[in-house]
Protein backbone atom coordinates (compact mmCIF):
# COMPACT_ATOMS: atom_id res chain seq x y z
CA UNK A 1 100.18 110.19 79.82
CA UNK A 2 97.10 109.48 77.71
CA UNK A 3 95.24 106.19 77.92
CA UNK A 4 96.48 105.28 74.44
CA UNK A 5 100.08 106.00 75.42
CA UNK A 6 99.67 103.94 78.58
CA UNK A 7 98.34 100.93 76.71
CA UNK A 8 101.21 101.19 74.24
CA UNK A 9 103.67 101.18 77.14
CA UNK A 10 101.92 98.19 78.70
CA UNK A 11 102.15 96.33 75.40
CA UNK A 12 105.88 96.98 75.26
CA UNK A 13 106.21 95.81 78.85
CA UNK A 14 104.30 92.60 78.32
CA UNK A 15 106.32 91.95 75.19
CA UNK A 16 109.56 92.22 77.12
CA UNK A 17 110.64 95.40 75.31
CA UNK A 18 110.74 97.74 78.30
CA UNK A 19 114.04 99.47 78.76
CA UNK A 20 116.30 98.45 81.67
CA UNK A 21 117.28 100.77 84.48
CA UNK A 22 118.50 104.05 82.98
CA UNK A 23 122.26 104.37 82.72
CA UNK A 24 124.11 107.05 84.63
CA UNK A 25 127.61 108.44 84.54
CA UNK A 26 127.65 108.62 88.34
CA UNK A 27 128.42 105.67 90.65
CA UNK A 28 125.26 103.87 91.75
CA UNK A 29 124.97 103.76 95.49
CA UNK A 30 122.99 101.04 97.20
CA UNK A 31 119.53 102.36 97.89
CA UNK A 32 118.00 101.98 101.36
CA UNK A 33 115.16 99.70 102.40
CA UNK A 34 112.42 100.96 104.70
CA UNK A 35 109.62 99.31 106.61
CA UNK A 36 107.03 101.99 107.33
CA UNK A 37 104.18 101.51 109.76
CA UNK A 38 101.57 103.44 107.77
CA UNK A 39 98.72 103.30 110.30
CA UNK A 40 95.49 105.17 109.61
CA UNK A 41 94.96 106.72 106.16
CA UNK A 42 94.52 110.01 108.06
CA UNK A 43 98.28 110.17 108.45
CA UNK A 44 98.39 111.18 104.78
CA UNK A 45 96.84 114.57 105.58
CA UNK A 46 97.91 115.04 109.20
CA UNK A 47 101.02 116.65 110.65
CA UNK A 48 102.23 114.64 113.62
CA UNK A 49 105.38 113.07 115.02
CA UNK A 50 105.14 110.11 112.65
CA UNK A 51 104.65 112.14 109.47
CA UNK A 52 107.38 114.55 110.61
CA UNK A 53 109.78 111.59 110.92
CA UNK A 54 109.04 110.57 107.32
CA UNK A 55 109.64 114.08 106.01
CA UNK A 56 112.92 114.40 107.85
CA UNK A 57 114.02 110.98 106.65
CA UNK A 58 113.23 111.86 103.05
CA UNK A 59 115.33 115.00 103.29
CA UNK A 60 118.30 112.98 104.56
CA UNK A 61 118.27 110.32 101.84
CA UNK A 62 119.99 110.36 98.49
CA UNK A 63 117.24 110.30 95.90
CA UNK A 64 116.81 106.72 94.57
CA UNK A 65 116.39 105.92 90.88
CA UNK A 66 113.03 104.32 91.62
CA UNK A 67 110.91 102.98 94.46
CA UNK A 68 109.39 99.51 94.74
CA UNK A 69 106.61 99.38 97.34
CA UNK A 70 105.27 96.21 98.94
CA UNK A 71 101.96 97.28 100.47
CA UNK A 72 99.69 95.38 102.83
CA UNK A 73 96.80 96.49 100.64
CA UNK A 74 97.56 94.40 97.58
CA UNK A 75 97.56 90.64 98.08
CA UNK A 76 97.00 88.89 94.73
CA UNK A 77 97.24 85.08 94.29
CA UNK A 78 100.25 85.50 91.98
CA UNK A 79 103.46 87.47 91.57
CA UNK A 80 102.19 90.82 90.31
CA UNK A 81 103.49 94.31 89.70
CA UNK A 82 101.62 97.49 88.89
CA UNK A 83 102.08 99.94 86.05
CA UNK A 84 100.01 103.04 86.77
CA UNK A 85 99.20 106.28 85.06
CA UNK A 86 100.62 109.32 86.85
CA UNK A 87 97.27 110.52 88.20
CA UNK A 88 96.05 107.11 89.33
CA UNK A 89 95.56 106.58 93.06
CA UNK A 90 93.35 104.07 94.80
CA UNK A 91 91.27 105.52 97.64
CA UNK A 92 90.81 102.07 99.11
CA UNK A 93 89.06 102.91 102.38
CA UNK A 94 85.71 104.20 103.57
CA UNK A 95 84.33 106.31 106.40
CA UNK A 96 87.10 108.93 106.23
CA UNK A 97 86.89 112.67 105.42
CA UNK A 98 86.52 113.64 101.75
CA UNK A 99 89.86 115.47 102.00
CA UNK A 100 91.60 112.11 101.82
CA UNK A 101 90.10 111.46 98.38
CA UNK A 102 91.53 114.77 97.20
CA UNK A 103 95.12 113.74 97.89
CA UNK A 104 97.24 113.61 94.75
CA UNK A 105 100.60 111.93 94.23
CA UNK A 106 101.47 112.13 90.51
CA UNK A 107 104.64 110.04 90.56
CA UNK A 108 105.64 108.41 87.29
CA UNK A 109 105.56 104.66 86.93
CA UNK A 110 108.76 102.63 87.05
CA UNK A 111 108.07 100.35 84.07
CA UNK A 112 111.81 100.29 83.34
CA UNK A 113 112.15 97.87 86.29
CA UNK A 114 110.19 95.19 84.49
CA UNK A 115 113.06 93.45 82.63
CA UNK A 116 114.80 92.94 85.99
CA UNK A 117 111.62 91.89 87.77
CA UNK A 118 110.76 89.43 85.00
CA UNK A 119 114.04 87.68 85.76
CA UNK A 120 113.35 87.61 89.51
CA UNK A 121 109.73 86.42 89.38
CA UNK A 122 108.38 83.83 86.95
CA UNK A 123 105.66 84.07 85.89
CA UNK A 124 105.07 87.76 86.57
CA UNK A 125 101.73 89.46 85.93
CA UNK A 126 101.67 93.18 85.07
CA UNK A 127 98.57 95.06 86.17
CA UNK A 128 97.15 98.47 85.30
CA UNK A 129 96.60 99.52 88.92
CA UNK A 130 96.78 102.84 90.73
CA UNK A 131 98.95 103.24 93.81
CA UNK A 132 97.03 102.18 96.93
CA UNK A 133 97.02 104.10 100.20
CA UNK A 134 99.63 101.79 101.70
CA UNK A 135 101.99 103.34 99.16
CA UNK A 136 100.88 106.94 98.69
CA UNK A 137 100.07 107.73 102.34
CA UNK A 138 103.76 107.14 103.11
CA UNK A 139 105.23 108.64 99.92
CA UNK A 140 103.40 111.97 100.23
CA UNK A 141 105.56 112.67 103.27
CA UNK A 142 108.74 110.79 102.42
CA UNK A 143 109.17 112.24 98.92
CA UNK A 144 106.51 114.98 98.63
CA UNK A 145 107.68 116.20 95.22
CA UNK A 146 106.49 112.94 93.62
CA UNK A 147 109.51 113.06 91.31
CA UNK A 148 110.70 109.45 91.74
CA UNK A 149 109.20 106.64 89.61
CA UNK A 150 107.19 104.14 91.66
CA UNK A 151 106.02 100.58 91.19
CA UNK A 152 104.18 98.20 93.53
CA UNK A 153 104.92 94.52 94.03
CA UNK A 154 101.96 92.54 95.25
CA UNK A 155 102.10 90.22 98.26
CA UNK A 156 101.55 86.75 96.77
CA UNK A 157 99.00 85.39 99.21
CA UNK A 158 99.85 81.77 98.46
CA UNK A 159 103.30 81.94 100.07
CA UNK A 160 104.48 81.04 103.57
CA UNK A 161 106.25 83.56 105.78
CA UNK A 162 109.57 81.92 104.96
CA UNK A 163 108.85 82.19 101.27
CA UNK A 164 108.03 85.88 101.65
CA UNK A 165 111.41 86.38 103.32
CA UNK A 166 113.05 84.58 100.40
CA UNK A 167 111.24 86.91 97.99
CA UNK A 168 112.79 89.81 99.91
CA UNK A 169 116.21 88.30 99.28
CA UNK A 170 115.58 88.54 95.54
CA UNK A 171 114.97 92.27 95.92
CA UNK A 172 118.52 92.89 97.17
CA UNK A 173 119.63 93.06 93.54
CA UNK A 174 117.37 96.07 93.00
CA UNK A 175 118.87 97.94 95.93
CA UNK A 176 122.30 97.54 94.31
CA UNK A 177 120.87 99.23 91.22
CA UNK A 178 119.66 102.25 93.18
CA UNK A 179 116.06 101.14 93.74
CA UNK A 180 114.61 101.81 97.20
CA UNK A 181 112.49 99.02 98.69
CA UNK A 182 109.60 100.11 100.92
CA UNK A 183 107.50 97.66 102.90
CA UNK A 184 104.32 99.35 104.10
CA UNK A 185 102.30 97.69 106.87
CA UNK A 186 102.33 97.71 110.68
CA UNK A 187 104.16 95.71 113.35
CA UNK A 188 100.79 95.24 115.10
CA UNK A 189 97.47 95.53 113.28
CA UNK A 190 94.20 94.48 114.90
CA UNK A 191 91.59 97.14 114.24
CA UNK A 192 89.03 95.34 116.41
CA UNK A 193 91.28 96.04 119.39
CA UNK A 194 92.02 99.68 118.51
CA UNK A 195 91.13 102.20 121.20
CA UNK A 196 90.12 105.81 121.16
CA UNK A 197 91.58 108.37 121.36
CA UNK A 198 94.68 108.11 119.21
CA UNK A 199 96.81 108.75 122.32
CA UNK A 200 95.25 105.91 124.34
CA UNK A 201 97.75 104.03 126.55
CA UNK A 202 99.40 101.07 124.88
CA UNK A 203 97.99 97.65 125.82
CA UNK A 204 100.26 94.88 127.11
CA UNK A 205 99.97 92.43 124.21
CA UNK A 206 100.79 95.10 121.63
CA UNK A 207 103.84 96.25 123.61
CA UNK A 208 104.98 92.65 124.03
CA UNK A 209 104.71 91.87 120.32
CA UNK A 210 106.34 95.16 119.29
CA UNK A 211 109.21 94.54 121.72
CA UNK A 212 109.66 91.03 120.32
CA UNK A 213 110.01 92.38 116.77
CA UNK A 214 112.26 95.23 117.93
CA UNK A 215 114.64 92.79 119.65
CA UNK A 216 114.73 90.50 116.60
CA UNK A 217 115.59 93.43 114.33
CA UNK A 218 118.31 94.78 116.62
CA UNK A 219 119.88 91.33 116.90
CA UNK A 220 119.29 90.63 113.19
CA UNK A 221 117.53 87.45 114.23
CA UNK A 222 115.42 87.17 111.11
CA UNK A 223 114.51 83.58 111.93
CA UNK A 224 112.57 85.00 114.89
CA UNK A 225 110.61 87.20 112.47
CA UNK A 226 109.91 84.29 110.10
CA UNK A 227 108.85 81.86 112.85
CA UNK A 228 106.84 84.46 114.74
CA UNK A 229 103.64 82.39 114.78
CA UNK A 230 105.38 79.73 116.89
CA UNK A 231 107.57 81.99 119.01
CA UNK A 232 105.27 84.78 120.18
CA UNK A 233 101.99 84.00 121.93
CA UNK A 234 100.41 87.28 120.83
CA UNK A 235 100.90 86.86 117.07
CA UNK A 236 97.28 86.11 116.23
CA UNK A 237 96.09 88.92 118.48
CA UNK A 238 98.57 91.33 116.88
CA UNK A 239 97.66 90.06 113.40
CA UNK A 240 94.30 88.31 112.88
CA UNK A 241 95.48 88.26 109.25
CA UNK A 242 99.14 88.68 108.33
CA UNK A 243 99.14 91.06 105.37
CA UNK A 244 100.34 94.02 107.49
CA UNK A 245 103.18 91.96 108.96
CA UNK A 246 104.48 90.41 105.74
CA UNK A 247 106.03 93.61 104.25
CA UNK A 248 108.45 93.54 107.20
CA UNK A 249 109.82 90.23 105.90
CA UNK A 250 110.48 91.70 102.46
CA UNK A 251 112.61 94.42 104.04
CA UNK A 252 114.40 91.91 106.27
CA UNK A 253 115.12 89.70 103.27
CA UNK A 254 116.50 92.66 101.33
CA UNK A 255 119.06 93.48 104.04
CA UNK A 256 122.84 93.33 103.68
CA UNK A 257 125.16 92.40 106.53
CA UNK A 258 126.85 95.81 106.37
CA UNK A 259 123.64 97.85 106.44
CA UNK A 260 123.13 100.38 109.19
CA UNK A 261 120.10 99.20 111.13
CA UNK A 262 117.97 101.87 112.84
CA UNK A 263 114.45 102.81 113.80
CA UNK A 264 113.35 106.11 112.31
CA UNK A 265 110.14 106.11 114.35
CA UNK A 266 108.82 104.28 117.41
CA UNK A 267 105.37 104.79 118.85
CA UNK A 268 101.93 103.30 119.42
CA UNK A 269 98.61 104.74 118.20
CA UNK A 270 95.11 103.86 119.40
CA UNK A 271 96.56 101.72 122.17
CA UNK A 272 97.49 98.80 119.94
CA UNK A 273 98.76 100.02 116.56
CA UNK A 274 102.56 100.03 116.41
CA UNK A 275 103.94 102.69 114.07
CA UNK A 276 107.51 101.44 114.34
CA UNK A 277 109.46 102.21 111.17
CA UNK A 278 112.79 100.56 110.34
CA UNK A 279 115.51 101.74 107.96
CA UNK A 280 118.30 99.72 106.42
CA UNK A 281 120.96 101.90 104.84
CA UNK A 282 124.46 101.35 103.49
CA UNK A 283 127.15 103.10 105.56
CA UNK A 284 129.91 102.59 102.99
């Protein structure tokens, strides 16, 4: 897509002329929702147990019509979505090998979601923004062919945890239309407490917080996830800032009572970084 073509598309989008979800002659199955603990950007170019779990999961899933990613690495002070050019990626990190900046993920943009999103979020700002590493470092393994349109929804930093959960509830409608919701963050994320090497033994507070979240998910006690700052003494140690926790609430909010509820990966890196990944999938 040329720059001129992109700007024309953006003009259509902002004018409310974008086409709705493409029609299909086949029944639309409810798309899954996934919380992925993305961890270090290095996972994008490494082969390990975590990245293997993403690749195996991707092979097992019916291909969604589109993917909406809520990444910890975009926290605007408004409801915002991104419309990117196919080659646009944000290499939003520093101090890592140059090979990371050579990663490509040329997925098309999912601008056809905008009429639906405009109804769910008012006002909604549309940004020309490349996919950030919270999105592409997961997608390169989950759907390596980059053949599914992608859009990012920003984390409105002016909302409470309860309000973020309520935003997730709005996204349930997209799942019914075949759009996969991916929340990309980490159950624990305190880089000041990270230990070397990557296989360092897990520290007590990180295990405690991860177990708390695991139990809440298994029991579908989403109130425990929303009220985490009052209910778990390690919350501020696990999350000095909450942007890596909040994507979990979007996935929880987008759940249905009849979803299969399972962990596709469990593990701790650098002693304190939980890589737990949680899938919600229709079993009907």
